[in-house]
Amino acid sequence: MVNRMSFPVSSNKTFVFFFVQLLFCRLRTNQWCFLLFNVILFHALLFGADIVEEYLLQSSPTTYADAQTLDVRERARKLDMGPVKRNTSEYFRISPAEACAGGGDLFLLAVVSSRAENLTRRELIRKTWANVSQVQGYGLLTLFAIGIPQTQATQEEINRENENHRDIIQGTFLDSANNVVLKTIMIVRWAVTFCSKVLFVLKSDEESFVNYRSLMEYLLSLKRHAEDLYIGRVHHQVRPIRDPLSKCYVPVSVYSRKYYPDFCSASAYVISQDVARKVFVVSMAMETSMPEDVFVGICAQKAGVVPIHSSRFSGEKHIRFNSCCYKFIFSSFGMTKDELDKAWEEINDSRPCTMLEMYYGLIKCKALTYLDKLTSQHGAESEEIAIPSE
């Protein structure tokens, strides 16, 4: 019987290394160019849109020569919220006014816009991504913004929820799709009244996932320049919808221009404390029958604030989960319960991602997200052309 020689594993690795090296050395110049072209094309297709939005489509800085803008900024600087504090019940049914009391070290106030009846979703958020009270020693606070529910039974459940958590801001308006702008106004009113010392305010949607750690690390780098900040997934040159049957219908009498000003997606965005004050001042004289993110964008424009685009905010886009990818991004939209649980568990893994792992993670979740988008578009087109059976 012939004995077969067995080579050690290290010898096998060395053989593979030299084989790959020989293969690349034998590539001709035109083959190298073709390979390089395909690598560049692949990255351009994945990240090209983000690069264009991040660096080429940013709005131009505003000069405050306009008298109206200067007036808004001056009124925001001198804003007195004493009347709101003295008449809290006029504006809020529930207000955790003490939540920011003594919070001199509070760095970020996060307010999640939630539907009044979604108690289960709020509890899930509390147990996952909002279960953080500080990052690198800097404090953050998460609250939930709701309106008045349809039934008294739901209101009683909310009252018990608030007794347990003390993290509910409830307005005096009905919680409905038509009143989302009123909810946004309520958020900035509460922030500038009861949390005026906090540097930044995050507004997010209950369907979003927010990575506090990566977001706070970014904001900490801006700590010395915490003015005129309005950052998120920016939408450029969006036309108003003039169809009266659309839920986003905006008549010419409300907004007459061809395009809206640039604005951040309502799914998640951050404003500095001074911008919250400016938006609140402008909002008092604004028509509210428009989409909430457009409303904030118009308020910001009137105050001379330019939105900053960051591709690390997903907007209304769901980012396919990858641990290293989710450790890098700021937000993802449309998260299910299972996805929230998984994301929270894995991003809390103390092991940092290597550069190669981070690169692979971003490539993977970006590619899968595009595939999901293409699939959903194809499904929608198929439904449109499908002929119903008699």
Protein backbone atom coordinates (compact mmCIF):
# COMPACT_ATOMS: atom_id res chain seq x y z
CA MET A 1 0.00 0.00 0.00
CA VAL A 2 1.44 3.38 -1.07
CA ASN A 3 1.75 6.00 1.62
CA ARG A 4 0.43 9.39 0.54
CA MET A 5 2.34 12.42 1.66
CA SER A 6 0.31 14.86 3.72
CA PHE A 7 1.28 18.53 3.55
CA PRO A 8 0.80 20.80 6.55
CA VAL A 9 -1.93 23.46 6.41
CA SER A 10 0.68 26.24 6.28
CA SER A 11 2.12 24.71 3.11
CA ASN A 12 -1.33 24.70 1.52
CA LYS A 13 -1.81 28.40 2.36
CA THR A 14 1.60 29.22 0.90
CA PHE A 15 0.73 27.37 -2.29
CA VAL A 16 -2.57 29.26 -2.63
CA PHE A 17 -0.82 32.59 -2.03
CA PHE A 18 1.77 31.96 -4.73
CA PHE A 19 -0.91 30.69 -7.12
CA VAL A 20 -2.99 33.88 -6.70
CA GLN A 21 0.15 36.01 -7.00
CA LEU A 22 1.11 34.20 -10.22
CA LEU A 23 -2.41 34.60 -11.59
CA PHE A 24 -2.42 38.37 -11.05
CA CYS A 25 1.10 38.75 -12.42
CA ARG A 26 0.02 37.05 -15.65
CA LEU A 27 -2.82 39.51 -16.22
CA ARG A 28 -2.14 41.79 -19.15
CA THR A 29 -2.54 45.55 -19.03
CA ASN A 30 -5.91 45.52 -20.78
CA GLN A 31 -7.15 42.84 -18.39
CA TRP A 32 -6.06 44.94 -15.41
CA CYS A 33 -7.89 47.94 -16.87
CA PHE A 34 -11.03 45.87 -17.40
CA LEU A 35 -10.88 44.54 -13.82
CA LEU A 36 -10.29 48.00 -12.38
CA PHE A 37 -13.12 49.46 -14.47
CA ASN A 38 -15.58 46.87 -13.16
CA VAL A 39 -14.53 47.47 -9.55
CA ILE A 40 -15.03 51.23 -9.97
CA LEU A 41 -18.35 50.72 -11.76
CA PHE A 42 -19.59 48.41 -8.99
CA HIS A 43 -18.80 50.97 -6.29
CA ALA A 44 -20.24 53.83 -8.36
CA LEU A 45 -23.54 51.99 -8.76
CA LEU A 46 -23.73 51.29 -5.02
CA PHE A 47 -22.48 54.57 -3.59
CA GLY A 48 -22.71 57.04 -6.48
CA ALA A 49 -26.08 58.47 -5.47
CA ASP A 50 -24.92 58.96 -1.87
CA ILE A 51 -21.74 60.71 -3.00
CA VAL A 52 -23.67 63.04 -5.31
CA GLU A 53 -26.17 63.91 -2.57
CA GLU A 54 -23.49 64.27 0.10
CA TYR A 55 -21.11 66.54 -1.79
CA LEU A 56 -22.73 67.90 -4.97
CA LEU A 57 -26.36 68.56 -4.03
CA GLN A 58 -25.85 70.29 -0.70
CA SER A 59 -27.77 73.54 -0.42
CA SER A 60 -25.78 76.74 -0.56
CA PRO A 61 -25.07 78.48 2.76
CA THR A 62 -27.55 81.23 3.55
CA THR A 63 -26.58 84.84 4.07
CA TYR A 64 -28.81 86.57 6.56
CA ALA A 65 -29.43 89.74 4.55
CA ASP A 66 -33.18 89.17 4.34
CA ALA A 67 -35.02 91.32 6.87
CA GLN A 68 -37.61 88.63 7.59
CA THR A 69 -34.90 86.03 8.30
CA LEU A 70 -33.05 88.40 10.60
CA ASP A 71 -36.29 89.15 12.45
CA VAL A 72 -37.01 85.42 12.94
CA ARG A 73 -33.54 84.77 14.29
CA GLU A 74 -33.75 87.72 16.67
CA ARG A 75 -37.18 86.65 17.99
CA ALA A 76 -35.88 83.11 18.47
CA ARG A 77 -32.93 84.44 20.46
CA LYS A 78 -35.25 86.39 22.77
CA LEU A 79 -37.93 83.71 22.95
CA ASP A 80 -39.76 83.63 26.28
CA MET A 81 -41.53 80.35 27.04
CA GLY A 82 -42.78 81.50 30.45
CA PRO A 83 -46.44 81.64 29.33
CA VAL A 84 -46.28 77.99 28.22
CA LYS A 85 -44.83 76.94 31.57
CA ARG A 86 -47.55 78.83 33.42
CA ASN A 87 -50.34 77.37 31.26
CA THR A 88 -49.04 73.85 30.59
CA SER A 89 -52.51 72.28 30.47
CA GLU A 90 -53.45 74.54 27.55
CA TYR A 91 -50.82 72.88 25.35
CA PHE A 92 -50.20 69.45 26.92
CA ARG A 93 -52.48 66.85 28.44
CA ILE A 94 -49.39 65.00 29.74
CA SER A 95 -46.04 66.72 30.15
CA PRO A 96 -43.01 65.22 31.95
CA ALA A 97 -41.79 68.72 32.77
CA GLU A 98 -39.32 67.35 35.35
CA ALA A 99 -37.62 65.01 32.84
CA CYS A 100 -34.94 67.57 31.99
CA ALA A 101 -34.83 69.20 35.40
CA GLY A 102 -31.27 69.31 36.68
CA GLY A 103 -30.11 67.77 33.42
CA GLY A 104 -27.22 70.15 32.84
CA ASP A 105 -25.23 67.32 31.29
CA LEU A 106 -28.04 66.30 28.93
CA PHE A 107 -26.61 66.31 25.43
CA LEU A 108 -29.37 64.87 23.23
CA LEU A 109 -33.14 64.91 23.61
CA ALA A 110 -34.79 62.25 21.41
CA VAL A 111 -38.53 62.48 20.82
CA VAL A 112 -40.24 59.60 19.03
CA SER A 113 -43.43 60.47 17.17
CA SER A 114 -45.85 57.67 18.01
CA ARG A 115 -49.51 56.88 17.38
CA ALA A 116 -51.44 57.03 20.64
CA GLU A 117 -52.74 53.45 20.45
CA ASN A 118 -49.30 51.90 19.76
CA LEU A 119 -48.39 51.07 23.35
CA THR A 120 -46.73 47.79 22.33
CA ARG A 121 -44.43 49.52 19.85
CA ARG A 122 -43.33 52.08 22.44
CA GLU A 123 -42.53 49.31 24.90
CA LEU A 124 -40.45 47.55 22.24
CA ILE A 125 -38.48 50.74 21.55
CA ARG A 126 -37.85 51.22 25.28
CA LYS A 127 -36.38 47.72 25.49
CA THR A 128 -34.21 48.05 22.37
CA TRP A 129 -32.57 51.08 20.76
CA ALA A 130 -33.92 53.62 23.27
CA ASN A 131 -32.52 51.64 26.19
CA VAL A 132 -29.51 53.96 26.40
CA SER A 133 -29.12 56.89 28.78
CA GLN A 134 -25.59 58.03 28.00
CA VAL A 135 -22.78 57.68 25.45
CA GLN A 136 -19.18 58.45 26.39
CA GLY A 137 -20.46 60.05 29.60
CA TYR A 138 -22.88 62.42 27.82
CA GLY A 139 -26.54 62.07 28.73
CA LEU A 140 -29.48 61.47 26.44
CA LEU A 141 -33.20 61.27 27.09
CA THR A 142 -35.90 59.51 25.04
CA LEU A 143 -39.54 60.63 25.15
CA PHE A 144 -42.62 59.74 23.10
CA ALA A 145 -44.96 62.28 21.49
CA ILE A 146 -48.63 61.38 21.05
CA GLY A 147 -52.02 63.02 20.62
CA ILE A 148 -55.42 62.19 22.14
CA PRO A 149 -56.63 58.67 21.23
CA GLN A 150 -60.03 57.81 19.78
CA THR A 151 -61.30 56.04 22.92
CA GLN A 152 -61.28 56.68 26.64
CA ALA A 153 -60.14 53.09 27.25
CA THR A 154 -56.93 53.76 25.29
CA GLN A 155 -56.42 57.00 27.23
CA GLU A 156 -56.61 55.08 30.50
CA GLU A 157 -53.97 52.66 29.21
CA ILE A 158 -51.77 55.63 28.27
CA ASN A 159 -52.22 57.10 31.76
CA ARG A 160 -51.00 53.83 33.29
CA GLU A 161 -48.12 53.69 30.79
CA ASN A 162 -47.09 57.21 31.79
CA GLU A 163 -47.24 56.36 35.49
CA ASN A 164 -44.79 53.52 34.87
CA HIS A 165 -42.34 55.31 32.57
CA ARG A 166 -42.84 59.09 32.84
CA ASP A 167 -41.74 59.51 29.24
CA ILE A 168 -44.95 60.59 27.45
CA ILE A 169 -45.63 64.02 25.93
CA GLN A 170 -49.32 64.20 25.01
CA GLY A 171 -50.88 67.11 23.16
CA THR A 172 -54.41 68.46 23.30
CA PHE A 173 -55.24 67.51 19.67
CA LEU A 174 -56.69 64.32 18.25
CA ASP A 175 -54.03 61.80 17.25
CA SER A 176 -54.64 61.43 13.51
CA ALA A 177 -52.82 61.57 10.18
CA ASN A 178 -54.15 65.10 9.66
CA ASN A 179 -52.50 66.35 12.84
CA VAL A 180 -48.90 65.14 12.42
CA VAL A 181 -47.73 68.73 11.91
CA LEU A 182 -49.38 69.72 15.20
CA LYS A 183 -47.44 66.88 16.82
CA THR A 184 -44.17 68.22 15.40
CA ILE A 185 -44.98 71.71 16.68
CA MET A 186 -45.74 70.19 20.08
CA ILE A 187 -42.34 68.48 20.10
CA VAL A 188 -40.37 71.68 19.46
CA ARG A 189 -42.60 73.65 21.86
CA TRP A 190 -41.88 71.15 24.65
CA ALA A 191 -38.15 71.00 23.84
CA VAL A 192 -37.58 74.77 23.94
CA THR A 193 -39.80 75.17 27.03
CA PHE A 194 -38.75 72.33 29.32
CA CYS A 195 -35.40 71.20 27.87
CA SER A 196 -33.83 74.47 26.76
CA LYS A 197 -30.30 73.53 27.89
CA VAL A 198 -29.97 70.42 25.72
CA LEU A 199 -27.67 70.92 22.73
CA PHE A 200 -29.47 68.73 20.18
CA VAL A 201 -32.98 67.43 19.55
CA LEU A 202 -33.62 64.24 17.57
CA LYS A 203 -37.07 63.74 16.10
CA SER A 204 -37.77 60.21 14.89
CA ASP A 205 -40.67 58.00 13.88
CA GLU A 206 -41.75 54.93 15.83
CA GLU A 207 -41.09 52.77 12.77
CA SER A 208 -37.43 53.79 12.77
CA PHE A 209 -34.38 52.25 14.39
CA VAL A 210 -31.83 54.77 15.65
CA ASN A 211 -28.24 53.93 16.54
CA TYR A 212 -27.61 56.32 19.42
CA ARG A 213 -23.95 55.42 19.73
CA SER A 214 -22.90 56.27 16.19
CA LEU A 215 -25.16 59.34 16.13
CA MET A 216 -23.85 60.66 19.46
CA GLU A 217 -20.24 60.11 18.40
CA TYR A 218 -20.91 62.23 15.31
CA LEU A 219 -22.70 64.96 17.28
CA LEU A 220 -19.93 65.07 19.88
CA SER A 221 -17.52 66.02 17.11
CA LEU A 222 -19.81 69.03 16.42
CA LYS A 223 -20.15 70.08 20.06
CA ARG A 224 -18.26 73.36 19.60
CA HIS A 225 -20.31 74.27 16.52
CA ALA A 226 -23.78 73.40 17.79
CA GLU A 227 -25.68 76.09 15.90
CA ASP A 228 -27.84 76.11 12.78
CA LEU A 229 -27.72 72.31 12.59
CA TYR A 230 -30.53 70.59 10.70
CA ILE A 231 -29.28 67.21 9.50
CA GLY A 232 -30.89 64.09 8.08
CA ARG A 233 -31.73 62.44 4.76
CA VAL A 234 -32.32 65.51 2.60
CA HIS A 235 -34.87 65.59 -0.22
CA HIS A 236 -34.05 67.95 -3.11
CA GLN A 237 -36.43 69.70 -5.49
CA VAL A 238 -39.62 67.91 -4.49
CA ARG A 239 -42.71 69.17 -6.29
CA PRO A 240 -45.89 69.87 -4.31
CA ILE A 241 -48.68 67.38 -5.05
CA ARG A 242 -51.64 69.21 -6.55
CA ASP A 243 -53.99 66.23 -6.78
CA PRO A 244 -56.90 66.87 -4.35
CA LEU A 245 -57.35 63.10 -3.90
CA SER A 246 -53.82 62.64 -2.53
CA LYS A 247 -53.21 62.62 1.22
CA CYS A 248 -50.18 64.86 0.55
CA TYR A 249 -52.25 67.39 -1.44
CA VAL A 250 -51.08 70.97 -0.97
CA PRO A 251 -53.12 73.68 -2.77
CA VAL A 252 -51.45 76.62 -4.48
CA SER A 253 -53.05 78.91 -1.90
CA VAL A 254 -50.94 77.21 0.79
CA TYR A 255 -47.68 76.88 -1.15
CA SER A 256 -47.39 78.39 -4.63
CA ARG A 257 -43.80 77.68 -5.69
CA LYS A 258 -42.78 74.98 -8.17
CA TYR A 259 -40.54 73.14 -5.69
CA TYR A 260 -40.42 72.80 -1.93
CA PRO A 261 -37.25 74.00 -0.25
CA ASP A 262 -34.82 71.20 0.64
CA PHE A 263 -36.00 69.33 3.72
CA CYS A 264 -35.00 66.32 5.85
CA SER A 265 -37.06 63.14 5.91
CA ALA A 266 -39.39 63.01 8.91
CA SER A 267 -38.29 59.45 9.72
CA ALA A 268 -35.28 60.79 11.66
CA TYR A 269 -33.45 64.12 11.76
CA VAL A 270 -31.50 66.20 14.27
CA ILE A 271 -31.73 69.92 14.97
CA SER A 272 -29.69 72.01 17.35
CA GLN A 273 -31.41 73.85 20.21
CA ASP A 274 -31.26 77.20 18.41
CA VAL A 275 -32.89 75.70 15.30
CA ALA A 276 -35.69 74.28 17.46
CA ARG A 277 -36.36 77.81 18.70
CA LYS A 278 -36.29 79.25 15.17
CA VAL A 279 -38.60 76.55 13.79
CA PHE A 280 -41.01 77.16 16.67
CA VAL A 281 -41.08 80.93 16.05
CA VAL A 282 -41.83 80.47 12.34
CA SER A 283 -44.38 77.70 12.96
CA MET A 284 -46.67 80.07 14.87
CA ALA A 285 -47.51 81.86 11.61
CA MET A 286 -47.49 78.85 9.29
CA GLU A 287 -50.29 76.93 7.59
CA THR A 288 -50.23 73.32 8.88
CA SER A 289 -52.03 71.51 6.04
CA MET A 290 -48.91 70.01 4.47
CA PRO A 291 -46.53 67.06 5.07
CA GLU A 292 -44.67 67.39 8.35
CA ASP A 293 -41.16 67.13 6.88
CA VAL A 294 -42.01 69.79 4.28
CA PHE A 295 -43.40 71.97 7.08
CA VAL A 296 -40.13 71.82 9.03
CA GLY A 297 -38.14 72.46 5.84
CA ILE A 298 -40.13 75.62 5.07
CA CYS A 299 -39.77 76.82 8.67
CA ALA A 300 -36.01 76.23 8.47
CA GLN A 301 -35.74 78.12 5.19
CA LYS A 302 -37.62 81.12 6.60
CA ALA A 303 -35.18 81.08 9.53
CA GLY A 304 -32.11 80.96 7.27
CA VAL A 305 -31.21 77.38 8.22
CA VAL A 306 -29.82 75.08 5.50
CA PRO A 307 -30.43 71.31 5.82
CA ILE A 308 -27.35 69.07 5.78
CA HIS A 309 -27.55 65.72 4.03
CA SER A 310 -26.12 62.58 5.60
CA SER A 311 -26.45 59.20 3.88
CA ARG A 312 -26.11 57.56 7.30
CA PHE A 313 -29.77 58.47 7.82
CA SER A 314 -31.92 56.05 5.82
CA GLY A 315 -34.92 58.30 5.26
CA GLU A 316 -38.02 56.22 4.48
CA LYS A 317 -35.76 53.39 3.35
CA HIS A 318 -35.37 50.06 5.13
CA ILE A 319 -31.71 49.04 5.39
CA ARG A 320 -31.13 45.29 5.24
CA PHE A 321 -29.51 44.16 8.49
CA ASN A 322 -25.78 43.60 8.79
CA SER A 323 -24.11 43.97 12.17
CA CYS A 324 -21.19 46.15 11.03
CA CYS A 325 -23.41 48.18 8.72
CA TYR A 326 -25.84 48.93 11.55
CA LYS A 327 -22.96 49.97 13.81
CA PHE A 328 -22.15 52.66 11.24
CA ILE A 329 -25.52 54.06 10.12
CA PHE A 330 -27.67 56.47 12.13
CA SER A 331 -31.13 55.14 11.27
CA SER A 332 -33.18 52.59 9.37
CA PHE A 333 -36.89 52.73 8.63
CA GLY A 334 -39.68 50.13 8.61
CA MET A 335 -38.25 47.83 11.27
CA THR A 336 -40.21 44.79 12.42
CA LYS A 337 -40.12 43.54 16.01
CA ASP A 338 -37.74 40.68 15.16
CA GLU A 339 -35.44 43.03 13.27
CA LEU A 340 -35.35 45.50 16.16
CA ASP A 341 -34.52 42.75 18.63
CA LYS A 342 -31.75 41.39 16.40
CA ALA A 343 -30.29 44.81 15.61
CA TRP A 344 -30.24 45.81 19.27
CA GLU A 345 -28.60 42.56 20.35
CA GLU A 346 -25.87 42.60 17.72
CA ILE A 347 -24.88 46.28 17.74
CA ASN A 348 -24.35 45.95 21.49
CA ASP A 349 -21.67 43.38 20.82
CA SER A 350 -18.60 45.02 22.32
CA ARG A 351 -16.32 43.65 19.60
CA PRO A 352 -15.56 46.45 17.12
CA CYS A 353 -15.68 45.74 13.40
CA THR A 354 -12.40 45.70 11.52
CA MET A 355 -12.01 47.98 8.51
CA LEU A 356 -12.51 45.02 6.16
CA GLU A 357 -15.61 43.86 8.06
CA MET A 358 -17.06 47.37 7.98
CA TYR A 359 -16.37 47.63 4.23
CA TYR A 360 -17.98 44.25 3.56
CA GLY A 361 -20.95 45.10 5.79
CA LEU A 362 -21.64 48.40 4.02
CA ILE A 363 -21.32 46.76 0.61
CA LYS A 364 -23.65 43.91 1.60
CA CYS A 365 -26.43 45.94 3.21
CA LYS A 366 -26.27 48.55 0.43
CA ALA A 367 -26.56 45.94 -2.32
CA LEU A 368 -29.38 44.06 -0.58
CA THR A 369 -31.25 47.31 0.09
CA TYR A 370 -31.12 48.19 -3.61
CA LEU A 371 -32.35 44.70 -4.50
CA ASP A 372 -35.26 45.11 -2.06
CA LYS A 373 -36.11 48.45 -3.65
CA LEU A 374 -36.06 46.99 -7.16
CA THR A 375 -38.19 44.04 -6.04
CA SER A 376 -40.78 46.27 -4.39
CA GLN A 377 -40.96 48.52 -7.46
CA HIS A 378 -41.42 45.50 -9.72
CA GLY A 379 -44.15 44.17 -7.42
CA ALA A 380 -45.95 47.52 -7.46
CA GLU A 381 -45.78 47.70 -11.27
CA SER A 382 -47.12 44.14 -11.53
CA GLU A 383 -50.10 45.06 -9.34
CA GLU A 384 -50.82 48.11 -11.50
CA ILE A 385 -50.92 46.16 -14.77
CA ALA A 386 -52.71 43.12 -13.36
CA ILE A 387 -56.25 42.68 -14.69
CA PRO A 388 -58.69 41.63 -11.97
CA SER A 389 -60.66 38.49 -12.69
CA GLU A 390 -64.39 38.80 -13.12
